[in-house]
Amino acid sequence: MKKLTSSLKNMLLSLALISIVIAGLLAFVYGITKEPISQAEKQKQEKAIKEVTPDFNNNPADEKFEVTISDGSKLTVYPAKQDGKLVGIAIETNTTKGFSGEIKIMAGFDIDGVIKNYSVLKHAETPGLGAKMQKWFSDTSKPGQNVIGRKWNKDVKVKKDGGDIDAITAATITSRAFTDALNRAYEAYLKVKENYSQTNESTE
């Protein structure tokens, strides 16, 4: 077999062929993994909704909708209902103020604006520091840092910023980001609650 001459044309041809093969393989792998990944994300989402809301017998994911908050961004809301009556709200919130970028949280409120629970869906915070937020702010044995069962308000802050929440040790930025995400969720909650109240009044 005649050996190909090493030339720019032949090298470009080889690179093009390699790129085509790699692109084909990536498309094949994506096709195989797309559905399992989608199902895993859906299950994680459904689990988070159950963890952060009062008991419900509807399907919040089927009734989800978006709420636009003051900064123009949209948060997804999952209404939890018991026999058609709204009992709680799960809100998929986020913040870009984390130490290592975006943090996504599923925050749950009961109908009175009390935090039922929260679940950290995504983050890239420092292991051993910011990554502690899932447990740190849900430790009911430590009132200074726990947010579960707390009646929220519009501008909760960590103590270093004049608030009353104990920040994670050596992870103040992450703690600020966490409260920012919940403040954004609470803003969406207020809008949902207002619309829900107006709807009820109009049907009485």
N, C-alpha and C. Protein backbone atom coordinates (compact mmCIF):
# COMPACT_ATOMS: atom_id res chain seq x y z
N MET A 1 0.85 -1.19 0.00
CA MET A 1 0.00 0.00 0.00
C MET A 1 0.89 1.24 0.00
N LYS A 2 0.53 2.17 -0.83
CA LYS A 2 1.33 3.39 -0.94
C LYS A 2 1.13 4.27 0.28
N LYS A 3 2.19 4.66 0.90
CA LYS A 3 2.13 5.52 2.07
C LYS A 3 1.76 6.94 1.67
N LEU A 4 0.78 7.52 2.43
CA LEU A 4 0.37 8.90 2.14
C LEU A 4 1.52 9.86 2.42
N THR A 5 1.65 10.80 1.53
CA THR A 5 2.69 11.81 1.71
C THR A 5 2.28 12.77 2.83
N SER A 6 3.23 13.04 3.71
CA SER A 6 2.95 13.96 4.80
C SER A 6 2.90 15.37 4.25
N SER A 7 1.69 15.89 4.17
CA SER A 7 1.51 17.24 3.65
C SER A 7 0.39 17.92 4.40
N LEU A 8 0.27 19.22 4.25
CA LEU A 8 -0.77 19.98 4.92
C LEU A 8 -2.15 19.48 4.51
N LYS A 9 -2.29 19.17 3.23
CA LYS A 9 -3.58 18.70 2.73
C LYS A 9 -3.98 17.38 3.38
N ASN A 10 -3.02 16.46 3.46
CA ASN A 10 -3.31 15.16 4.06
C ASN A 10 -3.58 15.27 5.56
N MET A 11 -2.86 16.15 6.23
CA MET A 11 -3.07 16.34 7.66
C MET A 11 -4.45 16.93 7.93
N LEU A 12 -4.86 17.89 7.11
CA LEU A 12 -6.18 18.47 7.27
C LEU A 12 -7.28 17.44 7.00
N LEU A 13 -7.03 16.58 6.01
CA LEU A 13 -8.00 15.53 5.69
C LEU A 13 -8.13 14.56 6.86
N SER A 14 -6.99 14.20 7.46
CA SER A 14 -6.99 13.27 8.60
C SER A 14 -7.71 13.89 9.79
N LEU A 15 -7.43 15.14 10.05
CA LEU A 15 -8.10 15.83 11.16
C LEU A 15 -9.60 15.92 10.94
N ALA A 16 -10.01 16.16 9.69
CA ALA A 16 -11.44 16.25 9.37
C ALA A 16 -12.12 14.91 9.61
N LEU A 17 -11.46 13.82 9.18
CA LEU A 17 -12.03 12.48 9.37
C LEU A 17 -12.13 12.14 10.85
N ILE A 18 -11.10 12.48 11.61
CA ILE A 18 -11.10 12.22 13.05
C ILE A 18 -12.23 13.00 13.72
N SER A 19 -12.39 14.26 13.32
CA SER A 19 -13.45 15.10 13.89
C SER A 19 -14.83 14.53 13.60
N ILE A 20 -15.02 14.03 12.38
CA ILE A 20 -16.31 13.44 12.01
C ILE A 20 -16.61 12.21 12.84
N VAL A 21 -15.59 11.37 13.04
CA VAL A 21 -15.75 10.15 13.83
C VAL A 21 -16.08 10.49 15.28
N ILE A 22 -15.34 11.45 15.86
CA ILE A 22 -15.57 11.85 17.25
C ILE A 22 -16.96 12.47 17.41
N ALA A 23 -17.37 13.31 16.46
CA ALA A 23 -18.70 13.92 16.52
C ALA A 23 -19.79 12.85 16.47
N GLY A 24 -19.57 11.84 15.62
CA GLY A 24 -20.53 10.75 15.53
C GLY A 24 -20.63 9.97 16.82
N LEU A 25 -19.48 9.71 17.44
CA LEU A 25 -19.46 8.98 18.71
C LEU A 25 -20.15 9.78 19.82
N LEU A 26 -19.87 11.08 19.86
CA LEU A 26 -20.50 11.92 20.88
C LEU A 26 -22.02 11.95 20.70
N ALA A 27 -22.47 12.04 19.45
CA ALA A 27 -23.91 12.05 19.17
C ALA A 27 -24.53 10.72 19.59
N PHE A 28 -23.81 9.64 19.34
CA PHE A 28 -24.31 8.31 19.71
C PHE A 28 -24.44 8.18 21.23
N VAL A 29 -23.40 8.61 21.94
CA VAL A 29 -23.42 8.55 23.41
C VAL A 29 -24.51 9.44 23.97
N TYR A 30 -24.66 10.63 23.41
CA TYR A 30 -25.71 11.56 23.86
C TYR A 30 -27.09 10.94 23.68
N GLY A 31 -27.28 10.28 22.54
CA GLY A 31 -28.57 9.64 22.27
C GLY A 31 -28.90 8.56 23.28
N ILE A 32 -27.87 7.83 23.71
CA ILE A 32 -28.07 6.74 24.68
C ILE A 32 -28.33 7.29 26.08
N THR A 33 -27.59 8.34 26.46
CA THR A 33 -27.65 8.84 27.84
C THR A 33 -28.69 9.92 28.07
N LYS A 34 -29.22 10.53 27.01
CA LYS A 34 -30.16 11.65 27.15
C LYS A 34 -31.36 11.30 28.00
N GLU A 35 -32.03 10.20 27.68
CA GLU A 35 -33.25 9.82 28.40
C GLU A 35 -32.98 9.44 29.85
N PRO A 36 -31.96 8.59 30.13
CA PRO A 36 -31.66 8.27 31.54
C PRO A 36 -31.32 9.50 32.37
N ILE A 37 -30.57 10.43 31.79
CA ILE A 37 -30.20 11.66 32.50
C ILE A 37 -31.45 12.48 32.78
N SER A 38 -32.33 12.58 31.78
CA SER A 38 -33.56 13.34 31.93
C SER A 38 -34.45 12.74 33.02
N GLN A 39 -34.53 11.42 33.04
CA GLN A 39 -35.34 10.74 34.05
C GLN A 39 -34.76 10.92 35.45
N ALA A 40 -33.43 10.87 35.54
CA ALA A 40 -32.77 11.04 36.84
C ALA A 40 -33.00 12.45 37.37
N GLU A 41 -32.93 13.44 36.50
CA GLU A 41 -33.18 14.83 36.91
C GLU A 41 -34.62 15.03 37.34
N LYS A 42 -35.55 14.38 36.62
CA LYS A 42 -36.96 14.48 36.96
C LYS A 42 -37.23 13.87 38.33
N GLN A 43 -36.63 12.70 38.57
CA GLN A 43 -36.81 12.03 39.86
C GLN A 43 -36.22 12.86 41.00
N LYS A 44 -35.07 13.47 40.75
CA LYS A 44 -34.43 14.32 41.77
C LYS A 44 -35.32 15.51 42.08
N GLN A 45 -35.91 16.08 41.03
CA GLN A 45 -36.80 17.22 41.19
C GLN A 45 -38.04 16.84 41.98
N GLU A 46 -38.66 15.72 41.64
CA GLU A 46 -39.87 15.26 42.33
C GLU A 46 -39.58 14.95 43.80
N LYS A 47 -38.42 14.36 44.05
CA LYS A 47 -38.02 14.05 45.43
C LYS A 47 -37.86 15.34 46.23
N ALA A 48 -37.23 16.34 45.59
CA ALA A 48 -37.00 17.62 46.27
C ALA A 48 -38.33 18.30 46.60
N ILE A 49 -39.29 18.24 45.69
CA ILE A 49 -40.60 18.85 45.93
C ILE A 49 -41.27 18.21 47.14
N LYS A 50 -41.20 16.87 47.22
CA LYS A 50 -41.80 16.16 48.35
C LYS A 50 -41.12 16.51 49.66
N GLU A 51 -39.81 16.73 49.60
CA GLU A 51 -39.05 17.02 50.81
C GLU A 51 -39.35 18.40 51.38
N VAL A 52 -39.74 19.33 50.51
CA VAL A 52 -39.82 20.73 50.96
C VAL A 52 -41.25 21.26 51.13
N THR A 53 -42.26 20.45 50.87
CA THR A 53 -43.64 20.93 50.99
C THR A 53 -44.45 20.07 51.96
N PRO A 54 -45.56 20.60 52.45
CA PRO A 54 -46.47 19.78 53.26
C PRO A 54 -47.04 18.66 52.39
N ASP A 55 -47.67 17.66 53.00
CA ASP A 55 -48.24 16.55 52.25
C ASP A 55 -49.24 17.04 51.21
N PHE A 56 -49.19 16.46 50.02
CA PHE A 56 -50.09 16.85 48.95
C PHE A 56 -50.56 15.62 48.18
N ASN A 57 -51.65 15.75 47.44
CA ASN A 57 -52.13 14.63 46.63
C ASN A 57 -52.36 15.01 45.18
N ASN A 58 -51.82 16.15 44.77
CA ASN A 58 -51.82 16.49 43.34
C ASN A 58 -50.45 16.17 42.76
N ASN A 59 -50.21 16.56 41.53
CA ASN A 59 -48.89 16.40 40.93
C ASN A 59 -48.33 17.79 40.64
N PRO A 60 -47.56 18.35 41.58
CA PRO A 60 -47.05 19.72 41.41
C PRO A 60 -46.30 19.95 40.10
N ALA A 61 -45.57 18.93 39.63
CA ALA A 61 -44.79 19.09 38.40
C ALA A 61 -45.70 19.32 37.19
N ASP A 62 -46.90 18.73 37.22
CA ASP A 62 -47.84 18.92 36.11
C ASP A 62 -48.51 20.29 36.15
N GLU A 63 -48.49 20.93 37.32
CA GLU A 63 -49.15 22.23 37.47
C GLU A 63 -48.15 23.38 37.63
N LYS A 64 -46.90 23.13 37.33
CA LYS A 64 -45.88 24.15 37.52
C LYS A 64 -46.11 25.36 36.61
N PHE A 65 -45.62 26.49 37.04
CA PHE A 65 -45.69 27.72 36.26
C PHE A 65 -44.54 28.62 36.68
N GLU A 66 -44.32 29.68 35.94
CA GLU A 66 -43.21 30.58 36.22
C GLU A 66 -43.70 31.91 36.79
N VAL A 67 -42.88 32.47 37.66
CA VAL A 67 -43.17 33.78 38.24
C VAL A 67 -41.96 34.69 37.98
N THR A 68 -42.23 35.87 37.49
CA THR A 68 -41.16 36.84 37.24
C THR A 68 -40.97 37.71 38.47
N ILE A 69 -39.74 37.75 38.98
CA ILE A 69 -39.47 38.56 40.16
C ILE A 69 -38.86 39.90 39.76
N SER A 70 -38.55 40.73 40.73
CA SER A 70 -38.18 42.13 40.48
C SER A 70 -36.96 42.34 39.59
N ASP A 71 -36.02 41.39 39.59
CA ASP A 71 -34.83 41.57 38.75
C ASP A 71 -35.05 41.09 37.32
N GLY A 72 -36.28 40.66 37.02
CA GLY A 72 -36.61 40.23 35.66
C GLY A 72 -36.44 38.74 35.40
N SER A 73 -35.83 38.02 36.33
CA SER A 73 -35.64 36.59 36.12
C SER A 73 -36.91 35.82 36.49
N LYS A 74 -37.01 34.60 35.97
CA LYS A 74 -38.20 33.78 36.19
C LYS A 74 -37.85 32.56 37.05
N LEU A 75 -38.68 32.33 38.07
CA LEU A 75 -38.51 31.17 38.93
C LEU A 75 -39.68 30.22 38.71
N THR A 76 -39.38 28.92 38.72
CA THR A 76 -40.43 27.92 38.51
C THR A 76 -41.09 27.57 39.83
N VAL A 77 -42.41 27.58 39.82
CA VAL A 77 -43.21 27.33 41.03
C VAL A 77 -43.98 26.02 40.87
N TYR A 78 -43.97 25.21 41.94
CA TYR A 78 -44.69 23.94 41.96
C TYR A 78 -45.73 24.01 43.09
N PRO A 79 -47.02 24.17 42.76
CA PRO A 79 -48.04 24.27 43.80
C PRO A 79 -48.38 22.90 44.40
N ALA A 80 -48.31 22.80 45.71
CA ALA A 80 -48.68 21.56 46.42
C ALA A 80 -50.09 21.71 46.94
N LYS A 81 -50.97 20.81 46.54
CA LYS A 81 -52.38 20.91 46.92
C LYS A 81 -52.87 19.63 47.59
N GLN A 82 -53.81 19.80 48.50
CA GLN A 82 -54.47 18.68 49.18
C GLN A 82 -55.95 18.78 48.85
N ASP A 83 -56.44 17.84 48.04
CA ASP A 83 -57.84 17.85 47.60
C ASP A 83 -58.22 19.18 46.94
N GLY A 84 -57.30 19.68 46.12
CA GLY A 84 -57.55 20.90 45.37
C GLY A 84 -57.23 22.18 46.10
N LYS A 85 -56.92 22.10 47.39
CA LYS A 85 -56.61 23.29 48.18
C LYS A 85 -55.10 23.48 48.29
N LEU A 86 -54.64 24.69 48.02
CA LEU A 86 -53.21 24.98 48.10
C LEU A 86 -52.74 24.90 49.55
N VAL A 87 -51.73 24.04 49.80
CA VAL A 87 -51.19 23.88 51.16
C VAL A 87 -49.73 24.29 51.26
N GLY A 88 -49.08 24.42 50.13
CA GLY A 88 -47.68 24.79 50.14
C GLY A 88 -47.17 25.07 48.74
N ILE A 89 -45.98 25.62 48.66
CA ILE A 89 -45.40 26.00 47.38
C ILE A 89 -43.92 25.62 47.37
N ALA A 90 -43.51 24.89 46.34
CA ALA A 90 -42.09 24.61 46.13
C ALA A 90 -41.60 25.53 45.02
N ILE A 91 -40.49 26.17 45.25
CA ILE A 91 -39.97 27.13 44.28
C ILE A 91 -38.52 26.78 43.94
N GLU A 92 -38.26 26.60 42.66
CA GLU A 92 -36.90 26.33 42.21
C GLU A 92 -36.20 27.67 42.03
N THR A 93 -35.35 27.99 42.98
CA THR A 93 -34.69 29.29 42.98
C THR A 93 -33.19 29.14 42.72
N ASN A 94 -32.54 30.25 42.49
CA ASN A 94 -31.11 30.20 42.22
C ASN A 94 -30.46 31.53 42.58
N THR A 95 -29.16 31.52 42.58
CA THR A 95 -28.38 32.74 42.78
C THR A 95 -27.05 32.56 42.08
N THR A 96 -26.50 33.65 41.58
CA THR A 96 -25.18 33.59 40.94
C THR A 96 -24.11 34.18 41.86
N LYS A 97 -24.46 34.36 43.12
CA LYS A 97 -23.55 35.00 44.06
C LYS A 97 -22.70 34.01 44.87
N GLY A 98 -22.73 32.75 44.48
CA GLY A 98 -21.94 31.75 45.18
C GLY A 98 -20.45 31.98 45.00
N PHE A 99 -19.65 31.41 45.87
CA PHE A 99 -18.20 31.54 45.79
C PHE A 99 -17.67 30.97 44.48
N SER A 100 -18.32 29.90 44.01
CA SER A 100 -17.86 29.24 42.78
C SER A 100 -18.93 29.25 41.68
N GLY A 101 -19.83 30.23 41.74
CA GLY A 101 -20.82 30.32 40.67
C GLY A 101 -22.24 30.08 41.13
N GLU A 102 -23.04 29.56 40.23
CA GLU A 102 -24.48 29.42 40.47
C GLU A 102 -24.80 28.35 41.51
N ILE A 103 -25.81 28.66 42.31
CA ILE A 103 -26.36 27.71 43.29
C ILE A 103 -27.85 27.60 42.99
N LYS A 104 -28.35 26.37 42.90
CA LYS A 104 -29.78 26.14 42.68
C LYS A 104 -30.38 25.44 43.90
N ILE A 105 -31.52 25.93 44.33
CA ILE A 105 -32.16 25.39 45.53
C ILE A 105 -33.66 25.22 45.28
N MET A 106 -34.22 24.12 45.80
CA MET A 106 -35.67 23.97 45.83
C MET A 106 -36.10 24.38 47.23
N ALA A 107 -36.83 25.48 47.31
CA ALA A 107 -37.27 26.00 48.61
C ALA A 107 -38.76 25.77 48.76
N GLY A 108 -39.18 25.31 49.93
CA GLY A 108 -40.58 25.04 50.16
C GLY A 108 -41.18 25.89 51.26
N PHE A 109 -42.33 26.49 51.00
CA PHE A 109 -43.04 27.31 51.98
C PHE A 109 -44.43 26.72 52.21
N ASP A 110 -44.92 26.85 53.44
CA ASP A 110 -46.33 26.51 53.63
C ASP A 110 -47.15 27.73 53.23
N ILE A 111 -48.44 27.66 53.38
CA ILE A 111 -49.32 28.73 52.90
C ILE A 111 -49.12 30.04 53.65
N ASP A 112 -48.50 29.98 54.84
CA ASP A 112 -48.27 31.18 55.65
C ASP A 112 -46.88 31.78 55.48
N GLY A 113 -46.09 31.20 54.57
CA GLY A 113 -44.76 31.74 54.33
C GLY A 113 -43.68 31.22 55.25
N VAL A 114 -43.98 30.13 55.94
CA VAL A 114 -42.99 29.48 56.81
C VAL A 114 -42.21 28.47 55.97
N ILE A 115 -40.90 28.46 56.13
CA ILE A 115 -40.08 27.53 55.36
C ILE A 115 -40.26 26.11 55.90
N LYS A 116 -40.79 25.27 55.05
CA LYS A 116 -40.99 23.87 55.41
C LYS A 116 -39.67 23.12 55.33
N ASN A 117 -38.94 23.37 54.26
CA ASN A 117 -37.64 22.72 54.06
C ASN A 117 -36.99 23.29 52.80
N TYR A 118 -35.78 22.85 52.52
CA TYR A 118 -35.12 23.22 51.28
C TYR A 118 -34.21 22.08 50.85
N SER A 119 -33.88 22.07 49.58
CA SER A 119 -32.98 21.04 49.05
C SER A 119 -32.04 21.71 48.05
N VAL A 120 -30.75 21.56 48.28
CA VAL A 120 -29.76 22.13 47.36
C VAL A 120 -29.67 21.22 46.13
N LEU A 121 -30.03 21.76 44.98
CA LEU A 121 -30.07 20.97 43.75
C LEU A 121 -28.73 20.97 43.01
N LYS A 122 -28.04 22.10 43.08
CA LYS A 122 -26.80 22.23 42.31
C LYS A 122 -25.90 23.29 42.93
N HIS A 123 -24.62 22.99 43.00
CA HIS A 123 -23.65 23.99 43.45
C HIS A 123 -22.25 23.52 43.11
N ALA A 124 -21.30 24.43 43.18
CA ALA A 124 -19.90 24.08 42.94
C ALA A 124 -19.04 24.70 44.05
N GLU A 125 -19.64 24.80 45.25
CA GLU A 125 -18.93 25.43 46.36
C GLU A 125 -17.82 24.52 46.90
N THR A 126 -16.95 25.10 47.68
CA THR A 126 -15.78 24.39 48.20
C THR A 126 -16.17 23.23 49.11
N PRO A 127 -15.70 22.02 48.82
CA PRO A 127 -16.00 20.87 49.69
C PRO A 127 -15.51 21.14 51.11
N GLY A 128 -16.34 20.80 52.08
CA GLY A 128 -15.96 20.99 53.47
C GLY A 128 -16.26 22.38 54.01
N LEU A 129 -16.58 23.31 53.11
CA LEU A 129 -16.91 24.68 53.54
C LEU A 129 -18.30 25.03 53.02
N GLY A 130 -18.36 25.69 51.86
CA GLY A 130 -19.66 26.07 51.31
C GLY A 130 -20.58 24.90 51.04
N ALA A 131 -20.00 23.75 50.76
CA ALA A 131 -20.81 22.57 50.47
C ALA A 131 -21.62 22.12 51.68
N LYS A 132 -21.34 22.69 52.85
CA LYS A 132 -22.08 22.32 54.07
C LYS A 132 -23.48 22.90 54.12
N MET A 133 -23.85 23.75 53.16
CA MET A 133 -25.11 24.50 53.28
C MET A 133 -26.35 23.61 53.40
N GLN A 134 -26.33 22.41 52.82
CA GLN A 134 -27.50 21.55 52.91
C GLN A 134 -27.80 21.17 54.36
N LYS A 135 -26.77 20.91 55.14
CA LYS A 135 -26.97 20.52 56.54
C LYS A 135 -26.91 21.72 57.50
N TRP A 136 -26.06 22.68 57.18
CA TRP A 136 -25.83 23.81 58.09
C TRP A 136 -27.12 24.56 58.42
N PHE A 137 -27.87 24.93 57.40
CA PHE A 137 -29.06 25.77 57.60
C PHE A 137 -30.32 24.97 57.93
N SER A 138 -30.16 23.66 58.10
CA SER A 138 -31.31 22.83 58.48
C SER A 138 -31.08 22.11 59.81
N ASP A 139 -30.07 22.54 60.55
CA ASP A 139 -29.77 21.94 61.85
C ASP A 139 -30.68 22.57 62.91
N THR A 140 -31.76 21.87 63.23
CA THR A 140 -32.75 22.42 64.16
C THR A 140 -32.24 22.53 65.59
N SER A 141 -31.09 21.92 65.87
CA SER A 141 -30.53 22.03 67.22
C SER A 141 -29.75 23.33 67.39
N LYS A 142 -29.59 24.08 66.30
CA LYS A 142 -28.84 25.34 66.35
C LYS A 142 -29.69 26.47 65.76
N PRO A 143 -30.50 27.10 66.58
CA PRO A 143 -31.44 28.14 66.13
C PRO A 143 -30.79 29.29 65.36
N GLY A 144 -29.54 29.60 65.69
CA GLY A 144 -28.88 30.72 65.02
C GLY A 144 -28.62 30.50 63.55
N GLN A 145 -28.52 29.25 63.15
CA GLN A 145 -28.24 28.98 61.75
C GLN A 145 -29.38 28.26 61.03
N ASN A 146 -30.30 27.68 61.79
CA ASN A 146 -31.40 26.93 61.21
C ASN A 146 -32.46 27.85 60.59
N VAL A 147 -32.95 27.50 59.40
CA VAL A 147 -34.02 28.28 58.77
C VAL A 147 -35.34 27.50 58.68
N ILE A 148 -35.30 26.21 58.98
CA ILE A 148 -36.51 25.39 58.89
C ILE A 148 -37.52 25.82 59.95
N GLY A 149 -38.77 26.01 59.54
CA GLY A 149 -39.81 26.44 60.46
C GLY A 149 -39.82 27.92 60.71
N ARG A 150 -38.99 28.65 60.00
CA ARG A 150 -38.88 30.10 60.18
C ARG A 150 -39.86 30.83 59.27
N LYS A 151 -40.53 31.81 59.84
CA LYS A 151 -41.37 32.70 59.05
C LYS A 151 -40.45 33.67 58.33
N TRP A 152 -40.39 33.57 57.01
CA TRP A 152 -39.42 34.36 56.25
C TRP A 152 -39.87 35.80 56.10
N ASN A 153 -38.96 36.67 55.70
CA ASN A 153 -39.33 38.04 55.36
C ASN A 153 -38.55 38.45 54.12
N LYS A 154 -38.69 39.67 53.70
CA LYS A 154 -38.16 40.07 52.40
C LYS A 154 -36.65 40.22 52.33
N ASP A 155 -35.98 40.38 53.45
CA ASP A 155 -34.55 40.69 53.38
C ASP A 155 -33.77 40.03 54.52
N VAL A 156 -33.76 38.72 54.54
CA VAL A 156 -32.99 37.99 55.55
C VAL A 156 -31.51 38.06 55.21
N LYS A 157 -30.67 38.29 56.22
CA LYS A 157 -29.23 38.41 56.00
C LYS A 157 -28.45 37.61 57.04
N VAL A 158 -27.17 37.38 56.75
CA VAL A 158 -26.30 36.76 57.73
C VAL A 158 -25.88 37.84 58.74
N LYS A 159 -25.40 37.42 59.88
CA LYS A 159 -25.07 38.37 60.95
C LYS A 159 -24.02 39.40 60.55
N LYS A 160 -23.06 38.99 59.71
CA LYS A 160 -22.01 39.93 59.29
C LYS A 160 -22.58 41.10 58.49
N ASP A 161 -23.77 40.90 57.95
CA ASP A 161 -24.41 41.97 57.16
C ASP A 161 -25.56 42.63 57.91
N GLY A 162 -25.61 42.39 59.22
CA GLY A 162 -26.66 43.00 60.03
C GLY A 162 -27.90 42.16 60.22
N GLY A 163 -27.87 40.92 59.76
CA GLY A 163 -29.01 40.03 59.92
C GLY A 163 -28.89 39.17 61.16
N ASP A 164 -29.63 38.05 61.17
CA ASP A 164 -29.60 37.21 62.36
C ASP A 164 -29.32 35.74 62.04
N ILE A 165 -28.74 35.47 60.87
CA ILE A 165 -28.41 34.10 60.48
C ILE A 165 -26.91 33.87 60.64
N ASP A 166 -26.54 32.82 61.35
CA ASP A 166 -25.13 32.46 61.49
C ASP A 166 -24.60 31.91 60.18
N ALA A 167 -23.57 32.54 59.64
CA ALA A 167 -22.97 32.07 58.39
C ALA A 167 -22.18 30.79 58.62
N ILE A 168 -22.01 30.02 57.57
CA ILE A 168 -21.16 28.83 57.64
C ILE A 168 -19.74 29.28 57.96
N THR A 169 -19.09 28.62 58.89
CA THR A 169 -17.73 28.98 59.28
C THR A 169 -16.80 28.99 58.07
N ALA A 170 -16.14 30.11 57.85
CA ALA A 170 -15.17 30.30 56.75
C ALA A 170 -15.83 30.24 55.38
N ALA A 171 -17.15 30.44 55.32
CA ALA A 171 -17.84 30.42 54.02
C ALA A 171 -18.96 31.46 54.01
N THR A 172 -18.59 32.70 54.32
CA THR A 172 -19.58 33.77 54.37
C THR A 172 -20.20 34.05 53.00
N ILE A 173 -19.40 33.98 51.95
CA ILE A 173 -19.92 34.25 50.60
C ILE A 173 -21.00 33.24 50.23
N THR A 174 -20.74 31.97 50.50
CA THR A 174 -21.74 30.94 50.23
C THR A 174 -23.00 31.19 51.04
N SER A 175 -22.82 31.58 52.30
CA SER A 175 -23.97 31.84 53.18
C SER A 175 -24.80 33.01 52.67
N ARG A 176 -24.13 34.04 52.20
CA ARG A 176 -24.85 35.18 51.62
C ARG A 176 -25.62 34.74 50.37
N ALA A 177 -24.99 33.90 49.58
CA ALA A 177 -25.65 33.40 48.37
C ALA A 177 -26.87 32.56 48.72
N PHE A 178 -26.75 31.75 49.76
CA PHE A 178 -27.87 30.91 50.19
C PHE A 178 -29.06 31.77 50.59
N THR A 179 -28.82 32.79 51.42
CA THR A 179 -29.93 33.65 51.83
C THR A 179 -30.48 34.44 50.64
N ASP A 180 -29.62 34.80 49.70
CA ASP A 180 -30.09 35.50 48.51
C ASP A 180 -31.05 34.62 47.71
N ALA A 181 -30.71 33.35 47.56
CA ALA A 181 -31.57 32.42 46.83
C ALA A 181 -32.92 32.27 47.51
N LEU A 182 -32.92 32.18 48.85
CA LEU A 182 -34.19 32.05 49.57
C LEU A 182 -34.99 33.35 49.55
N ASN A 183 -34.31 34.49 49.58
CA ASN A 183 -35.02 35.77 49.47
C ASN A 183 -35.71 35.89 48.12
N ARG A 184 -35.05 35.41 47.07
CA ARG A 184 -35.64 35.41 45.73
C ARG A 184 -36.85 34.49 45.69
N ALA A 185 -36.73 33.34 46.33
CA ALA A 185 -37.84 32.40 46.38
C ALA A 185 -39.02 33.00 47.14
N TYR A 186 -38.72 33.71 48.23
CA TYR A 186 -39.79 34.30 49.03
C TYR A 186 -40.52 35.38 48.24
N GLU A 187 -39.79 36.11 47.42
CA GLU A 187 -40.42 37.13 46.58
C GLU A 187 -41.42 36.46 45.63
N ALA A 188 -41.03 35.32 45.07
CA ALA A 188 -41.94 34.58 44.19
C ALA A 188 -43.13 34.06 44.98
N TYR A 189 -42.87 33.58 46.21
CA TYR A 189 -43.96 33.09 47.07
C TYR A 189 -45.01 34.18 47.31
N LEU A 190 -44.55 35.40 47.60
CA LEU A 190 -45.47 36.50 47.87
C LEU A 190 -46.38 36.78 46.66
N LYS A 191 -45.80 36.68 45.46
CA LYS A 191 -46.60 36.92 44.26
C LYS A 191 -47.64 35.83 44.08
N VAL A 192 -47.23 34.58 44.33
CA VAL A 192 -48.16 33.46 44.20
C VAL A 192 -49.27 33.58 45.23
N LYS A 193 -48.89 33.90 46.46
CA LYS A 193 -49.88 34.04 47.53
C LYS A 193 -50.88 35.15 47.22
N GLU A 194 -50.39 36.26 46.68
CA GLU A 194 -51.27 37.38 46.34
C GLU A 194 -52.27 36.97 45.25
N ASN A 195 -51.76 36.31 44.22
CA ASN A 195 -52.64 35.87 43.13
C ASN A 195 -53.64 34.83 43.61
N TYR A 196 -53.17 33.94 44.49
CA TYR A 196 -54.05 32.90 45.03
C TYR A 196 -55.17 33.53 45.86
N SER A 197 -54.82 34.53 46.67
CA SER A 197 -55.81 35.20 47.51
C SER A 197 -56.84 35.94 46.65
N GLN A 198 -56.37 36.60 45.60
CA GLN A 198 -57.27 37.33 44.72
C GLN A 198 -58.21 36.38 43.99
N THR A 199 -57.71 35.22 43.60
CA THR A 199 -58.53 34.22 42.92
C THR A 199 -59.62 33.69 43.83
N ASN A 200 -59.25 33.44 45.09
CA ASN A 200 -60.22 32.94 46.07
C ASN A 200 -61.32 33.97 46.33
N GLU A 201 -60.90 35.23 46.43
CA GLU A 201 -61.86 36.31 46.69
C GLU A 201 -62.86 36.45 45.54
N SER A 202 -62.36 36.29 44.32
CA SER A 202 -63.21 36.46 43.15
C SER A 202 -64.21 35.32 42.96
N THR A 203 -63.94 34.17 43.62
CA THR A 203 -64.83 33.02 43.47
C THR A 203 -65.79 32.88 44.63
N GLU A 204 -65.66 33.74 45.65
CA GLU A 204 -66.54 33.65 46.81
C GLU A 204 -67.90 34.29 46.53
